[in-house]
Amino acid sequence: PNYSDFSKDLNDLLTKDFPLGNAKLEINQSTSNGIKVTV
């Protein structure tokens, strides 16, 4: 892995998928010519 992802498995386990103190809306759209739009 790169240095930022050295302990990615553990970091994801302890920090990811714990939305705290906020409400988030994420919208992802992809086109056939390789463009992805994220809001």
PDB file of all heavy atoms in Angstrom:
ATOM      1  N   PRO A   1       0.829  -1.210   0.000  1.00  0.00           N
ATOM      2  CA  PRO A   1       0.000   0.000   0.000  1.00  0.00           C
ATOM      3  C   PRO A   1       0.861   1.256   0.000  1.00  0.00           C
ATOM      4  O   PRO A   1       2.068   1.207   0.272  1.00  0.00           O
ATOM      5  CB  PRO A   1      -0.784  -0.115   1.312  1.00  0.00           C
ATOM      6  CG  PRO A   1       0.176  -0.817   2.233  1.00  0.00           C
ATOM      7  CD  PRO A   1       0.937  -1.801   1.358  1.00  0.00           C
ATOM      8  N   ASN A   2       0.259   2.403  -0.321  1.00  0.00           N
ATOM      9  CA  ASN A   2       0.970   3.654  -0.125  1.00  0.00           C
ATOM     10  C   ASN A   2       0.975   3.999   1.365  1.00  0.00           C
ATOM     11  O   ASN A   2       0.260   3.377   2.164  1.00  0.00           O
ATOM     12  CB  ASN A   2       0.368   4.779  -0.978  1.00  0.00           C
ATOM     13  CG  ASN A   2      -1.068   5.089  -0.610  1.00  0.00           C
ATOM     14  OD1 ASN A   2      -1.412   5.274   0.558  1.00  0.00           O
ATOM     15  ND2 ASN A   2      -1.945   5.148  -1.596  1.00  0.00           N
ATOM     16  N   TYR A   3       1.768   5.004   1.737  1.00  0.00           N
ATOM     17  CA  TYR A   3       1.937   5.288   3.163  1.00  0.00           C
ATOM     18  C   TYR A   3       0.616   5.714   3.817  1.00  0.00           C
ATOM     19  O   TYR A   3       0.353   5.359   4.967  1.00  0.00           O
ATOM     20  CB  TYR A   3       2.990   6.375   3.358  1.00  0.00           C
ATOM     21  CG  TYR A   3       3.396   6.538   4.809  1.00  0.00           C
ATOM     22  CD1 TYR A   3       4.377   5.721   5.363  1.00  0.00           C
ATOM     23  CD2 TYR A   3       2.798   7.487   5.623  1.00  0.00           C
ATOM     24  CE1 TYR A   3       4.742   5.847   6.694  1.00  0.00           C
ATOM     25  CE2 TYR A   3       3.156   7.620   6.948  1.00  0.00           C
ATOM     26  CZ  TYR A   3       4.122   6.803   7.487  1.00  0.00           C
ATOM     27  OH  TYR A   3       4.475   6.916   8.807  1.00  0.00           O
ATOM     28  N   SER A   4      -0.220   6.447   3.095  1.00  0.00           N
ATOM     29  CA  SER A   4      -1.499   6.900   3.651  1.00  0.00           C
ATOM     30  C   SER A   4      -2.429   5.739   3.966  1.00  0.00           C
ATOM     31  O   SER A   4      -3.286   5.845   4.842  1.00  0.00           O
ATOM     32  CB  SER A   4      -2.184   7.862   2.675  1.00  0.00           C
ATOM     33  OG  SER A   4      -1.371   8.981   2.405  1.00  0.00           O
ATOM     34  N   ASP A   5      -2.263   4.626   3.232  1.00  0.00           N
ATOM     35  CA  ASP A   5      -3.126   3.454   3.430  1.00  0.00           C
ATOM     36  C   ASP A   5      -2.424   2.352   4.207  1.00  0.00           C
ATOM     37  O   ASP A   5      -2.821   1.181   4.128  1.00  0.00           O
ATOM     38  CB  ASP A   5      -3.577   2.916   2.066  1.00  0.00           C
ATOM     39  CG  ASP A   5      -4.534   3.855   1.359  1.00  0.00           C
ATOM     40  OD1 ASP A   5      -5.165   4.674   2.035  1.00  0.00           O
ATOM     41  OD2 ASP A   5      -4.648   3.758   0.119  1.00  0.00           O
ATOM     42  N   PHE A   6      -1.398   2.687   4.955  1.00  0.00           N
ATOM     43  CA  PHE A   6      -0.594   1.675   5.654  1.00  0.00           C
ATOM     44  C   PHE A   6      -1.473   0.825   6.581  1.00  0.00           C
ATOM     45  O   PHE A   6      -1.305  -0.394   6.654  1.00  0.00           O
ATOM     46  CB  PHE A   6       0.517   2.351   6.448  1.00  0.00           C
ATOM     47  CG  PHE A   6       1.626   1.423   6.844  1.00  0.00           C
ATOM     48  CD1 PHE A   6       2.752   1.290   6.047  1.00  0.00           C
ATOM     49  CD2 PHE A   6       1.559   0.688   8.001  1.00  0.00           C
ATOM     50  CE1 PHE A   6       3.783   0.425   6.398  1.00  0.00           C
ATOM     51  CE2 PHE A   6       2.576  -0.177   8.375  1.00  0.00           C
ATOM     52  CZ  PHE A   6       3.692  -0.314   7.569  1.00  0.00           C
ATOM     53  N   SER A   7      -2.386   1.455   7.296  1.00  0.00           N
ATOM     54  CA  SER A   7      -3.296   0.731   8.206  1.00  0.00           C
ATOM     55  C   SER A   7      -4.743   0.959   7.793  1.00  0.00           C
ATOM     56  O   SER A   7      -5.623   1.188   8.629  1.00  0.00           O
ATOM     57  CB  SER A   7      -3.074   1.179   9.653  1.00  0.00           C
ATOM     58  OG  SER A   7      -1.769   0.880  10.095  1.00  0.00           O
ATOM     59  N   LYS A   8      -5.002   0.882   6.489  1.00  0.00           N
ATOM     60  CA  LYS A   8      -6.319   1.214   5.957  1.00  0.00           C
ATOM     61  C   LYS A   8      -7.416   0.308   6.507  1.00  0.00           C
ATOM     62  O   LYS A   8      -8.519   0.776   6.828  1.00  0.00           O
ATOM     63  CB  LYS A   8      -6.314   1.157   4.431  1.00  0.00           C
ATOM     64  CG  LYS A   8      -7.606   1.648   3.778  1.00  0.00           C
ATOM     65  CD  LYS A   8      -7.513   1.619   2.268  1.00  0.00           C
ATOM     66  CE  LYS A   8      -8.740   2.263   1.628  1.00  0.00           C
ATOM     67  NZ  LYS A   8     -10.005   1.637   2.034  1.00  0.00           N
ATOM     68  N   ASP A   9      -7.157  -0.987   6.616  1.00  0.00           N
ATOM     69  CA  ASP A   9      -8.186  -1.910   7.103  1.00  0.00           C
ATOM     70  C   ASP A   9      -8.677  -1.496   8.493  1.00  0.00           C
ATOM     71  O   ASP A   9      -9.886  -1.436   8.749  1.00  0.00           O
ATOM     72  CB  ASP A   9      -7.637  -3.336   7.150  1.00  0.00           C
ATOM     73  CG  ASP A   9      -7.402  -3.914   5.772  1.00  0.00           C
ATOM     74  OD1 ASP A   9      -8.016  -3.413   4.809  1.00  0.00           O
ATOM     75  OD2 ASP A   9      -6.598  -4.855   5.649  1.00  0.00           O
ATOM     76  N   LEU A  10      -7.741  -1.204   9.377  1.00  0.00           N
ATOM     77  CA  LEU A  10      -8.116  -0.819  10.741  1.00  0.00           C
ATOM     78  C   LEU A  10      -8.749   0.565  10.763  1.00  0.00           C
ATOM     79  O   LEU A  10      -9.746   0.787  11.474  1.00  0.00           O
ATOM     80  CB  LEU A  10      -6.881  -0.850  11.643  1.00  0.00           C
ATOM     81  CG  LEU A  10      -7.118  -0.470  13.106  1.00  0.00           C
ATOM     82  CD1 LEU A  10      -8.125  -1.407  13.749  1.00  0.00           C
ATOM     83  CD2 LEU A  10      -5.801  -0.473  13.872  1.00  0.00           C
ATOM     84  N   ASN A  11      -8.200   1.511  10.009  1.00  0.00           N
ATOM     85  CA  ASN A  11      -8.767   2.860   9.979  1.00  0.00           C
ATOM     86  C   ASN A  11     -10.206   2.842   9.465  1.00  0.00           C
ATOM     87  O   ASN A  11     -11.076   3.541  10.005  1.00  0.00           O
ATOM     88  CB  ASN A  11      -7.907   3.771   9.101  1.00  0.00           C
ATOM     89  CG  ASN A  11      -6.559   4.066   9.723  1.00  0.00           C
ATOM     90  OD1 ASN A  11      -6.401   3.986  10.937  1.00  0.00           O
ATOM     91  ND2 ASN A  11      -5.576   4.406   8.906  1.00  0.00           N
ATOM     92  N   ASP A  12     -10.467   2.068   8.417  1.00  0.00           N
ATOM     93  CA  ASP A  12     -11.829   1.969   7.893  1.00  0.00           C
ATOM     94  C   ASP A  12     -12.769   1.351   8.923  1.00  0.00           C
ATOM     95  O   ASP A  12     -13.920   1.776   9.078  1.00  0.00           O
ATOM     96  CB  ASP A  12     -11.851   1.136   6.612  1.00  0.00           C
ATOM     97  CG  ASP A  12     -11.297   1.889   5.421  1.00  0.00           C
ATOM     98  OD1 ASP A  12     -11.062   3.107   5.544  1.00  0.00           O
ATOM     99  OD2 ASP A  12     -11.090   1.261   4.365  1.00  0.00           O
ATOM    100  N   LEU A  13     -12.293   0.345   9.635  1.00  0.00           N
ATOM    101  CA  LEU A  13     -13.128  -0.308  10.639  1.00  0.00           C
ATOM    102  C   LEU A  13     -13.541   0.654  11.748  1.00  0.00           C
ATOM    103  O   LEU A  13     -14.694   0.652  12.196  1.00  0.00           O
ATOM    104  CB  LEU A  13     -12.380  -1.504  11.236  1.00  0.00           C
ATOM    105  CG  LEU A  13     -13.104  -2.277  12.345  1.00  0.00           C
ATOM    106  CD1 LEU A  13     -14.321  -2.999  11.784  1.00  0.00           C
ATOM    107  CD2 LEU A  13     -12.158  -3.259  13.019  1.00  0.00           C
ATOM    108  N   LEU A  14     -12.611   1.516  12.188  1.00  0.00           N
ATOM    109  CA  LEU A  14     -12.865   2.373  13.346  1.00  0.00           C
ATOM    110  C   LEU A  14     -13.420   3.755  12.988  1.00  0.00           C
ATOM    111  O   LEU A  14     -13.897   4.465  13.881  1.00  0.00           O
ATOM    112  CB  LEU A  14     -11.576   2.550  14.155  1.00  0.00           C
ATOM    113  CG  LEU A  14     -11.005   1.276  14.799  1.00  0.00           C
ATOM    114  CD1 LEU A  14      -9.707   1.587  15.525  1.00  0.00           C
ATOM    115  CD2 LEU A  14     -12.013   0.639  15.741  1.00  0.00           C
ATOM    116  N   THR A  15     -13.371   4.147  11.715  1.00  0.00           N
ATOM    117  CA  THR A  15     -13.817   5.505  11.364  1.00  0.00           C
ATOM    118  C   THR A  15     -14.889   5.552  10.279  1.00  0.00           C
ATOM    119  O   THR A  15     -15.699   6.472  10.267  1.00  0.00           O
ATOM    120  CB  THR A  15     -12.619   6.358  10.897  1.00  0.00           C
ATOM    121  OG1 THR A  15     -12.035   5.769   9.729  1.00  0.00           O
ATOM    122  CG2 THR A  15     -11.555   6.448  11.982  1.00  0.00           C
ATOM    123  N   LYS A  16     -14.895   4.604   9.378  1.00  0.00           N
ATOM    124  CA  LYS A  16     -15.820   4.647   8.246  1.00  0.00           C
ATOM    125  C   LYS A  16     -17.204   4.143   8.650  1.00  0.00           C
ATOM    126  O   LYS A  16     -17.335   3.274   9.501  1.00  0.00           O
ATOM    127  CB  LYS A  16     -15.267   3.797   7.095  1.00  0.00           C
ATOM    128  CG  LYS A  16     -15.900   4.078   5.752  1.00  0.00           C
ATOM    129  CD  LYS A  16     -15.179   3.293   4.666  1.00  0.00           C
ATOM    130  CE  LYS A  16     -15.790   3.557   3.302  1.00  0.00           C
ATOM    131  NZ  LYS A  16     -15.095   2.769   2.228  1.00  0.00           N
ATOM    132  N   ASP A  17     -18.245   4.717   8.037  1.00  0.00           N
ATOM    133  CA  ASP A  17     -19.640   4.312   8.260  1.00  0.00           C
ATOM    134  C   ASP A  17     -20.114   4.628   9.674  1.00  0.00           C
ATOM    135  O   ASP A  17     -20.972   3.939  10.219  1.00  0.00           O
ATOM    136  CB  ASP A  17     -19.840   2.819   7.967  1.00  0.00           C
ATOM    137  CG  ASP A  17     -19.436   2.447   6.554  1.00  0.00           C
ATOM    138  OD1 ASP A  17     -19.957   3.070   5.614  1.00  0.00           O
ATOM    139  OD2 ASP A  17     -18.595   1.548   6.386  1.00  0.00           O
ATOM    140  N   PHE A  18     -19.555   5.679  10.272  1.00  0.00           N
ATOM    141  CA  PHE A  18     -20.030   6.216  11.544  1.00  0.00           C
ATOM    142  C   PHE A  18     -20.398   7.693  11.332  1.00  0.00           C
ATOM    143  O   PHE A  18     -19.657   8.587  11.770  1.00  0.00           O
ATOM    144  CB  PHE A  18     -18.968   6.112  12.640  1.00  0.00           C
ATOM    145  CG  PHE A  18     -18.726   4.724  13.160  1.00  0.00           C
ATOM    146  CD1 PHE A  18     -17.606   4.017  12.760  1.00  0.00           C
ATOM    147  CD2 PHE A  18     -19.600   4.134  14.053  1.00  0.00           C
ATOM    148  CE1 PHE A  18     -17.349   2.739  13.239  1.00  0.00           C
ATOM    149  CE2 PHE A  18     -19.366   2.853  14.547  1.00  0.00           C
ATOM    150  CZ  PHE A  18     -18.243   2.152  14.133  1.00  0.00           C
ATOM    151  N   PRO A  19     -21.478   7.998  10.657  1.00  0.00           N
ATOM    152  CA  PRO A  19     -21.839   9.418  10.459  1.00  0.00           C
ATOM    153  C   PRO A  19     -22.252  10.045  11.784  1.00  0.00           C
ATOM    154  O   PRO A  19     -23.226   9.632  12.410  1.00  0.00           O
ATOM    155  CB  PRO A  19     -23.025   9.338   9.486  1.00  0.00           C
ATOM    156  CG  PRO A  19     -23.608   7.977   9.698  1.00  0.00           C
ATOM    157  CD  PRO A  19     -22.461   7.076  10.055  1.00  0.00           C
ATOM    158  N   LEU A  20     -21.484  11.052  12.217  1.00  0.00           N
ATOM    159  CA  LEU A  20     -21.708  11.636  13.535  1.00  0.00           C
ATOM    160  C   LEU A  20     -21.846  13.149  13.438  1.00  0.00           C
ATOM    161  O   LEU A  20     -21.036  13.809  12.811  1.00  0.00           O
ATOM    162  CB  LEU A  20     -20.548  11.295  14.475  1.00  0.00           C
ATOM    163  CG  LEU A  20     -20.254   9.801  14.689  1.00  0.00           C
ATOM    164  CD1 LEU A  20     -19.014   9.632  15.554  1.00  0.00           C
ATOM    165  CD2 LEU A  20     -21.449   9.104  15.301  1.00  0.00           C
ATOM    166  N   GLY A  21     -22.864  13.683  14.044  1.00  0.00           N
ATOM    167  CA  GLY A  21     -23.019  15.119  14.156  1.00  0.00           C
ATOM    168  C   GLY A  21     -23.413  15.834  12.891  1.00  0.00           C
ATOM    169  O   GLY A  21     -23.372  17.063  12.832  1.00  0.00           O
ATOM    170  N   ASN A  22     -23.819  15.107  11.852  1.00  0.00           N
ATOM    171  CA  ASN A  22     -24.215  15.766  10.614  1.00  0.00           C
ATOM    172  C   ASN A  22     -25.130  14.857   9.800  1.00  0.00           C
ATOM    173  O   ASN A  22     -25.262  13.660  10.089  1.00  0.00           O
ATOM    174  CB  ASN A  22     -22.991  16.162   9.780  1.00  0.00           C
ATOM    175  CG  ASN A  22     -22.103  14.981   9.424  1.00  0.00           C
ATOM    176  OD1 ASN A  22     -22.539  14.040   8.775  1.00  0.00           O
ATOM    177  ND2 ASN A  22     -20.852  15.022   9.860  1.00  0.00           N
ATOM    178  N   ALA A  23     -25.751  15.459   8.814  1.00  0.00           N
ATOM    179  CA  ALA A  23     -26.549  14.728   7.839  1.00  0.00           C
ATOM    180  C   ALA A  23     -25.927  14.950   6.473  1.00  0.00           C
ATOM    181  O   ALA A  23     -25.672  16.088   6.077  1.00  0.00           O
ATOM    182  CB  ALA A  23     -28.001  15.201   7.851  1.00  0.00           C
ATOM    183  N   LYS A  24     -25.663  13.868   5.753  1.00  0.00           N
ATOM    184  CA  LYS A  24     -24.963  13.961   4.480  1.00  0.00           C
ATOM    185  C   LYS A  24     -25.788  13.335   3.366  1.00  0.00           C
ATOM    186  O   LYS A  24     -26.368  12.263   3.537  1.00  0.00           O
ATOM    187  CB  LYS A  24     -23.602  13.261   4.568  1.00  0.00           C
ATOM    188  CG  LYS A  24     -22.814  13.281   3.256  1.00  0.00           C
ATOM    189  CD  LYS A  24     -21.488  12.551   3.385  1.00  0.00           C
ATOM    190  CE  LYS A  24     -20.742  12.528   2.065  1.00  0.00           C
ATOM    191  NZ  LYS A  24     -19.452  11.806   2.158  1.00  0.00           N
ATOM    192  N   LEU A  25     -25.802  14.014   2.233  1.00  0.00           N
ATOM    193  CA  LEU A  25     -26.436  13.500   1.023  1.00  0.00           C
ATOM    194  C   LEU A  25     -25.395  13.475  -0.085  1.00  0.00           C
ATOM    195  O   LEU A  25     -24.777  14.496  -0.394  1.00  0.00           O
ATOM    196  CB  LEU A  25     -27.614  14.384   0.604  1.00  0.00           C
ATOM    197  CG  LEU A  25     -28.270  14.039  -0.750  1.00  0.00           C
ATOM    198  CD1 LEU A  25     -28.886  12.650  -0.712  1.00  0.00           C
ATOM    199  CD2 LEU A  25     -29.315  15.091  -1.115  1.00  0.00           C
ATOM    200  N   GLU A  26     -25.178  12.315  -0.679  1.00  0.00           N
ATOM    201  CA  GLU A  26     -24.208  12.145  -1.766  1.00  0.00           C
ATOM    202  C   GLU A  26     -24.906  11.554  -2.982  1.00  0.00           C
ATOM    203  O   GLU A  26     -25.590  10.531  -2.877  1.00  0.00           O
ATOM    204  CB  GLU A  26     -23.062  11.237  -1.329  1.00  0.00           C
ATOM    205  CG  GLU A  26     -22.016  10.993  -2.416  1.00  0.00           C
ATOM    206  CD  GLU A  26     -20.901  10.080  -1.962  1.00  0.00           C
ATOM    207  OE1 GLU A  26     -20.549  10.140  -0.762  1.00  0.00           O
ATOM    208  OE2 GLU A  26     -20.385   9.301  -2.793  1.00  0.00           O
ATOM    209  N   ILE A  27     -24.737  12.199  -4.127  1.00  0.00           N
ATOM    210  CA  ILE A  27     -25.346  11.743  -5.366  1.00  0.00           C
ATOM    211  C   ILE A  27     -24.254  11.532  -6.402  1.00  0.00           C
ATOM    212  O   ILE A  27     -23.459  12.438  -6.663  1.00  0.00           O
ATOM    213  CB  ILE A  27     -26.388  12.750  -5.889  1.00  0.00           C
ATOM    214  CG1 ILE A  27     -27.477  12.980  -4.837  1.00  0.00           C
ATOM    215  CG2 ILE A  27     -27.007  12.270  -7.197  1.00  0.00           C
ATOM    216  CD1 ILE A  27     -28.468  14.062  -5.217  1.00  0.00           C
ATOM    217  N   ASN A  28     -24.203  10.338  -6.969  1.00  0.00           N
ATOM    218  CA  ASN A  28     -23.217   9.997  -7.992  1.00  0.00           C
ATOM    219  C   ASN A  28     -23.921   9.641  -9.292  1.00  0.00           C
ATOM    220  O   ASN A  28     -24.850   8.820  -9.301  1.00  0.00           O
ATOM    221  CB  ASN A  28     -22.359   8.805  -7.546  1.00  0.00           C
ATOM    222  CG  ASN A  28     -21.573   9.102  -6.284  1.00  0.00           C
ATOM    223  OD1 ASN A  28     -20.738   9.986  -6.269  1.00  0.00           O
ATOM    224  ND2 ASN A  28     -21.848   8.356  -5.230  1.00  0.00           N
ATOM    225  N   GLN A  29     -23.479  10.266 -10.392  1.00  0.00           N
ATOM    226  CA  GLN A  29     -24.027   9.983 -11.710  1.00  0.00           C
ATOM    227  C   GLN A  29     -22.872   9.700 -12.667  1.00  0.00           C
ATOM    228  O   GLN A  29     -21.862  10.407 -12.664  1.00  0.00           O
ATOM    229  CB  GLN A  29     -24.835  11.180 -12.227  1.00  0.00           C
ATOM    230  CG  GLN A  29     -26.106  11.486 -11.438  1.00  0.00           C
ATOM    231  CD  GLN A  29     -27.222  10.511 -11.762  1.00  0.00           C
ATOM    232  OE1 GLN A  29     -27.287   9.972 -12.855  1.00  0.00           O
ATOM    233  NE2 GLN A  29     -28.110  10.289 -10.804  1.00  0.00           N
ATOM    234  N   SER A  30     -23.007   8.665 -13.478  1.00  0.00           N
ATOM    235  CA  SER A  30     -21.979   8.302 -14.446  1.00  0.00           C
ATOM    236  C   SER A  30     -22.570   8.292 -15.852  1.00  0.00           C
ATOM    237  O   SER A  30     -23.725   7.917 -16.046  1.00  0.00           O
ATOM    238  CB  SER A  30     -21.401   6.918 -14.130  1.00  0.00           C
ATOM    239  OG  SER A  30     -20.787   6.906 -12.852  1.00  0.00           O
ATOM    240  N   THR A  31     -21.751   8.723 -16.823  1.00  0.00           N
ATOM    241  CA  THR A  31     -22.189   8.752 -18.208  1.00  0.00           C
ATOM    242  C   THR A  31     -21.450   7.668 -18.997  1.00  0.00           C
ATOM    243  O   THR A  31     -20.452   7.110 -18.544  1.00  0.00           O
ATOM    244  CB  THR A  31     -21.909  10.122 -18.847  1.00  0.00           C
ATOM    245  OG1 THR A  31     -20.490  10.343 -18.894  1.00  0.00           O
ATOM    246  CG2 THR A  31     -22.568  11.232 -18.047  1.00  0.00           C
ATOM    247  N   SER A  32     -21.928   7.399 -20.202  1.00  0.00           N
ATOM    248  CA  SER A  32     -21.351   6.337 -21.022  1.00  0.00           C
ATOM    249  C   SER A  32     -19.961   6.694 -21.564  1.00  0.00           C
ATOM    250  O   SER A  32     -19.221   5.804 -21.969  1.00  0.00           O
ATOM    251  CB  SER A  32     -22.292   6.020 -22.187  1.00  0.00           C
ATOM    252  OG  SER A  32     -22.515   7.181 -22.979  1.00  0.00           O
ATOM    253  N   ASN A  33     -19.620   7.981 -21.596  1.00  0.00           N
ATOM    254  CA  ASN A  33     -18.315   8.384 -22.143  1.00  0.00           C
ATOM    255  C   ASN A  33     -17.254   8.591 -21.067  1.00  0.00           C
ATOM    256  O   ASN A  33     -16.236   9.240 -21.297  1.00  0.00           O
ATOM    257  CB  ASN A  33     -18.459   9.653 -22.983  1.00  0.00           C
ATOM    258  CG  ASN A  33     -18.995  10.826 -22.170  1.00  0.00           C
ATOM    259  OD1 ASN A  33     -19.458  10.640 -21.045  1.00  0.00           O
ATOM    260  ND2 ASN A  33     -18.929  12.011 -22.740  1.00  0.00           N
ATOM    261  N   GLY A  34     -17.475   8.049 -19.856  1.00  0.00           N
ATOM    262  CA  GLY A  34     -16.436   8.046 -18.835  1.00  0.00           C
ATOM    263  C   GLY A  34     -16.444   9.206 -17.878  1.00  0.00           C
ATOM    264  O   GLY A  34     -15.464   9.410 -17.156  1.00  0.00           O
ATOM    265  N   ILE A  35     -17.529   9.987 -17.830  1.00  0.00           N
ATOM    266  CA  ILE A  35     -17.611  11.125 -16.915  1.00  0.00           C
ATOM    267  C   ILE A  35     -18.456  10.741 -15.695  1.00  0.00           C
ATOM    268  O   ILE A  35     -19.559  10.212 -15.841  1.00  0.00           O
ATOM    269  CB  ILE A  35     -18.228  12.360 -17.603  1.00  0.00           C
ATOM    270  CG1 ILE A  35     -17.335  12.809 -18.765  1.00  0.00           C
ATOM    271  CG2 ILE A  35     -18.392  13.503 -16.596  1.00  0.00           C
ATOM    272  CD1 ILE A  35     -17.904  13.978 -19.547  1.00  0.00           C
ATOM    273  N   LYS A  36     -17.922  11.021 -14.520  1.00  0.00           N
ATOM    274  CA  LYS A  36     -18.648  10.785 -13.283  1.00  0.00           C
ATOM    275  C   LYS A  36     -18.852  12.111 -12.566  1.00  0.00           C
ATOM    276  O   LYS A  36     -17.905  12.879 -12.386  1.00  0.00           O
ATOM    277  CB  LYS A  36     -17.889   9.820 -12.372  1.00  0.00           C
ATOM    278  CG  LYS A  36     -18.616   9.508 -11.066  1.00  0.00           C
ATOM    279  CD  LYS A  36     -17.840   8.526 -10.216  1.00  0.00           C
ATOM    280  CE  LYS A  36     -18.580   8.229  -8.915  1.00  0.00           C
ATOM    281  NZ  LYS A  36     -17.844   7.266  -8.055  1.00  0.00           N
ATOM    282  N   VAL A  37     -20.093  12.377 -12.161  1.00  0.00           N
ATOM    283  CA  VAL A  37     -20.438  13.615 -11.467  1.00  0.00           C
ATOM    284  C   VAL A  37     -20.883  13.261 -10.042  1.00  0.00           C
ATOM    285  O   VAL A  37     -21.740  12.391  -9.857  1.00  0.00           O
ATOM    286  CB  VAL A  37     -21.553  14.379 -12.191  1.00  0.00           C
ATOM    287  CG1 VAL A  37     -21.897  15.666 -11.439  1.00  0.00           C
ATOM    288  CG2 VAL A  37     -21.142  14.693 -13.627  1.00  0.00           C
ATOM    289  N   THR A  38     -20.288  13.937  -9.063  1.00  0.00           N
ATOM    290  CA  THR A  38     -20.623  13.695  -7.660  1.00  0.00           C
ATOM    291  C   THR A  38     -21.011  15.001  -6.992  1.00  0.00           C
ATOM    292  O   THR A  38     -20.295  15.999  -7.107  1.00  0.00           O
ATOM    293  CB  THR A  38     -19.429  13.073  -6.906  1.00  0.00           C
ATOM    294  OG1 THR A  38     -19.075  11.835  -7.524  1.00  0.00           O
ATOM    295  CG2 THR A  38     -19.789  12.821  -5.450  1.00  0.00           C
ATOM    296  N   VAL A  39     -22.142  14.984  -6.293  1.00  0.00           N
ATOM    297  CA  VAL A  39     -22.606  16.141  -5.524  1.00  0.00           C
ATOM    298  C   VAL A  39     -22.667  15.737  -4.057  1.00  0.00           C
ATOM    299  O   VAL A  39     -23.302  14.732  -3.706  1.00  0.00           O
ATOM    300  CB  VAL A  39     -23.991  16.619  -5.997  1.00  0.00           C
ATOM    301  CG1 VAL A  39     -24.448  17.817  -5.157  1.00  0.00           C
ATOM    302  CG2 VAL A  39     -23.950  16.989  -7.475  1.00  0.00           C
TER     303      VAL A  39
END
